[in-house]
Amino acid sequence: MVDKDVEFSDEANLDFHKAQCFMDFNGKLEEFWLDIDRQIELMKEFPLAFQIRYKNVRIIPLENFNYSIHYIAKSKGILVYRFLNQSQNF
């Protein structure tokens, strides 16, 4: 298996930061990052497993939190486009 590089857009970095602050405030930060790490590993192993939802963007939900990772699978890696609370409109 080829290890895929994962890049994060500026918007995704900001989204992650906001979510991190919220989870830290609620005392769930460690559990939150474990969930994110599991989903990113799944995304790296099976980048095409999730259907395209809009503009070549695929969505993988977190298992235990109401967030989803919006990403674009590329030939040499993955671009995390956004990281959104599933209640947000985008």
C-alpha atoms as a PDB file:
ATOM      1  CA  MET A   1       0.000   0.000   0.000  1.00  0.00           C
ATOM      2  CA  VAL A   2       1.279   3.458  -0.911  1.00  0.00           C
ATOM      3  CA  ASP A   3       1.127   5.900   1.981  1.00  0.00           C
ATOM      4  CA  LYS A   4      -0.906   8.912   0.902  1.00  0.00           C
ATOM      5  CA  ASP A   5       0.082  12.419   1.908  1.00  0.00           C
ATOM      6  CA  VAL A   6      -2.669  14.454   3.525  1.00  0.00           C
ATOM      7  CA  GLU A   7      -2.766  18.224   3.031  1.00  0.00           C
ATOM      8  CA  PHE A   8      -5.133  20.616   4.756  1.00  0.00           C
ATOM      9  CA  SER A   9      -6.594  23.743   3.176  1.00  0.00           C
ATOM     10  CA  ASP A  10      -6.452  27.002   5.127  1.00  0.00           C
ATOM     11  CA  GLU A  11     -10.199  26.698   5.712  1.00  0.00           C
ATOM     12  CA  ALA A  12      -9.809  23.150   7.061  1.00  0.00           C
ATOM     13  CA  ASN A  13      -7.067  24.264   9.438  1.00  0.00           C
ATOM     14  CA  LEU A  14      -9.334  27.019  10.757  1.00  0.00           C
ATOM     15  CA  ASP A  15     -12.250  24.564  11.049  1.00  0.00           C
ATOM     16  CA  PHE A  16     -10.087  22.106  13.009  1.00  0.00           C
ATOM     17  CA  HIS A  17      -8.886  24.881  15.319  1.00  0.00           C
ATOM     18  CA  LYS A  18     -12.431  26.022  16.119  1.00  0.00           C
ATOM     19  CA  ALA A  19     -13.569  22.455  16.785  1.00  0.00           C
ATOM     20  CA  GLN A  20     -10.480  21.814  18.925  1.00  0.00           C
ATOM     21  CA  CYS A  21     -11.222  24.859  21.097  1.00  0.00           C
ATOM     22  CA  PHE A  22     -14.826  23.732  21.546  1.00  0.00           C
ATOM     23  CA  MET A  23     -13.845  20.164  22.471  1.00  0.00           C
ATOM     24  CA  ASP A  24     -11.124  21.373  24.833  1.00  0.00           C
ATOM     25  CA  PHE A  25     -13.671  23.589  26.586  1.00  0.00           C
ATOM     26  CA  ASN A  26     -15.977  20.562  26.979  1.00  0.00           C
ATOM     27  CA  GLY A  27     -13.238  18.203  28.185  1.00  0.00           C
ATOM     28  CA  LYS A  28     -13.507  15.885  25.164  1.00  0.00           C
ATOM     29  CA  LEU A  29     -10.325  16.834  23.309  1.00  0.00           C
ATOM     30  CA  GLU A  30      -8.430  13.530  23.591  1.00  0.00           C
ATOM     31  CA  GLU A  31     -11.447  11.440  22.533  1.00  0.00           C
ATOM     32  CA  PHE A  32     -12.113  13.895  19.692  1.00  0.00           C
ATOM     33  CA  TRP A  33      -8.563  13.599  18.268  1.00  0.00           C
ATOM     34  CA  LEU A  34      -8.673   9.786  18.501  1.00  0.00           C
ATOM     35  CA  ASP A  35     -11.861   9.814  16.409  1.00  0.00           C
ATOM     36  CA  ILE A  36     -10.282  12.168  13.851  1.00  0.00           C
ATOM     37  CA  ASP A  37      -7.116  10.040  13.641  1.00  0.00           C
ATOM     38  CA  ARG A  38      -9.160   6.857  13.030  1.00  0.00           C
ATOM     39  CA  GLN A  39     -11.114   8.483  10.212  1.00  0.00           C
ATOM     40  CA  ILE A  40      -8.031  10.007   8.582  1.00  0.00           C
ATOM     41  CA  GLU A  41      -6.323   6.590   8.598  1.00  0.00           C
ATOM     42  CA  LEU A  42      -9.442   5.065   7.009  1.00  0.00           C
ATOM     43  CA  MET A  43      -9.505   7.870   4.439  1.00  0.00           C
ATOM     44  CA  LYS A  44      -5.819   7.298   3.606  1.00  0.00           C
ATOM     45  CA  GLU A  45      -6.291   3.543   3.233  1.00  0.00           C
ATOM     46  CA  PHE A  46      -9.500   3.752   1.161  1.00  0.00           C
ATOM     47  CA  PRO A  47      -9.601   7.247  -0.382  1.00  0.00           C
ATOM     48  CA  LEU A  48     -12.244   6.364  -2.980  1.00  0.00           C
ATOM     49  CA  ALA A  49     -14.548   4.425  -0.647  1.00  0.00           C
ATOM     50  CA  PHE A  50     -16.850   7.361   0.010  1.00  0.00           C
ATOM     51  CA  GLN A  51     -19.119   8.809  -2.636  1.00  0.00           C
ATOM     52  CA  ILE A  52     -18.582  12.185  -4.259  1.00  0.00           C
ATOM     53  CA  ARG A  53     -21.046  14.630  -2.731  1.00  0.00           C
ATOM     54  CA  TYR A  54     -20.193  17.918  -4.486  1.00  0.00           C
ATOM     55  CA  LYS A  55     -17.381  19.313  -6.707  1.00  0.00           C
ATOM     56  CA  ASN A  56     -15.296  16.076  -6.432  1.00  0.00           C
ATOM     57  CA  VAL A  57     -15.500  16.358  -2.646  1.00  0.00           C
ATOM     58  CA  ARG A  58     -16.088  13.214  -0.597  1.00  0.00           C
ATOM     59  CA  ILE A  59     -17.313  13.230   2.988  1.00  0.00           C
ATOM     60  CA  ILE A  60     -16.326  10.924   5.840  1.00  0.00           C
ATOM     61  CA  PRO A  61     -18.196  11.395   9.128  1.00  0.00           C
ATOM     62  CA  LEU A  62     -16.579  11.003  12.526  1.00  0.00           C
ATOM     63  CA  GLU A  63     -17.867   8.015  14.471  1.00  0.00           C
ATOM     64  CA  ASN A  64     -18.526   9.650  17.843  1.00  0.00           C
ATOM     65  CA  PHE A  65     -18.886  13.348  17.112  1.00  0.00           C
ATOM     66  CA  ASN A  66     -21.190  15.372  14.880  1.00  0.00           C
ATOM     67  CA  TYR A  67     -18.406  16.429  12.482  1.00  0.00           C
ATOM     68  CA  SER A  68     -17.363  15.319   9.019  1.00  0.00           C
ATOM     69  CA  ILE A  69     -14.179  15.576   6.982  1.00  0.00           C
ATOM     70  CA  HIS A  70     -14.685  16.907   3.455  1.00  0.00           C
ATOM     71  CA  TYR A  71     -11.823  15.827   1.204  1.00  0.00           C
ATOM     72  CA  ILE A  72     -10.654  15.466  -2.375  1.00  0.00           C
ATOM     73  CA  ALA A  73      -8.807  12.275  -3.336  1.00  0.00           C
ATOM     74  CA  LYS A  74      -5.901  13.014  -5.652  1.00  0.00           C
ATOM     75  CA  SER A  75      -3.482  10.651  -7.398  1.00  0.00           C
ATOM     76  CA  LYS A  76      -0.625  11.366  -4.982  1.00  0.00           C
ATOM     77  CA  GLY A  77      -2.491  12.317  -1.852  1.00  0.00           C
ATOM     78  CA  ILE A  78      -5.551  13.747  -0.198  1.00  0.00           C
ATOM     79  CA  LEU A  79      -6.630  17.347   0.262  1.00  0.00           C
ATOM     80  CA  VAL A  80      -8.804  17.945   3.303  1.00  0.00           C
ATOM     81  CA  TYR A  81     -11.018  20.706   1.998  1.00  0.00           C
ATOM     82  CA  ARG A  82     -13.167  21.423   5.089  1.00  0.00           C
ATOM     83  CA  PHE A  83     -13.917  19.988   8.512  1.00  0.00           C
ATOM     84  CA  LEU A  84     -17.495  20.824   9.398  1.00  0.00           C
ATOM     85  CA  ASN A  85     -20.029  20.282  12.113  1.00  0.00           C
ATOM     86  CA  GLN A  86     -22.808  18.373  10.411  1.00  0.00           C
ATOM     87  CA  SER A  87     -25.306  21.024  11.508  1.00  0.00           C
ATOM     88  CA  GLN A  88     -23.449  23.683   9.474  1.00  0.00           C
ATOM     89  CA  ASN A  89     -24.665  24.708   6.057  1.00  0.00           C
ATOM     90  CA  PHE A  90     -21.977  24.799   3.411  1.00  0.00           C
END
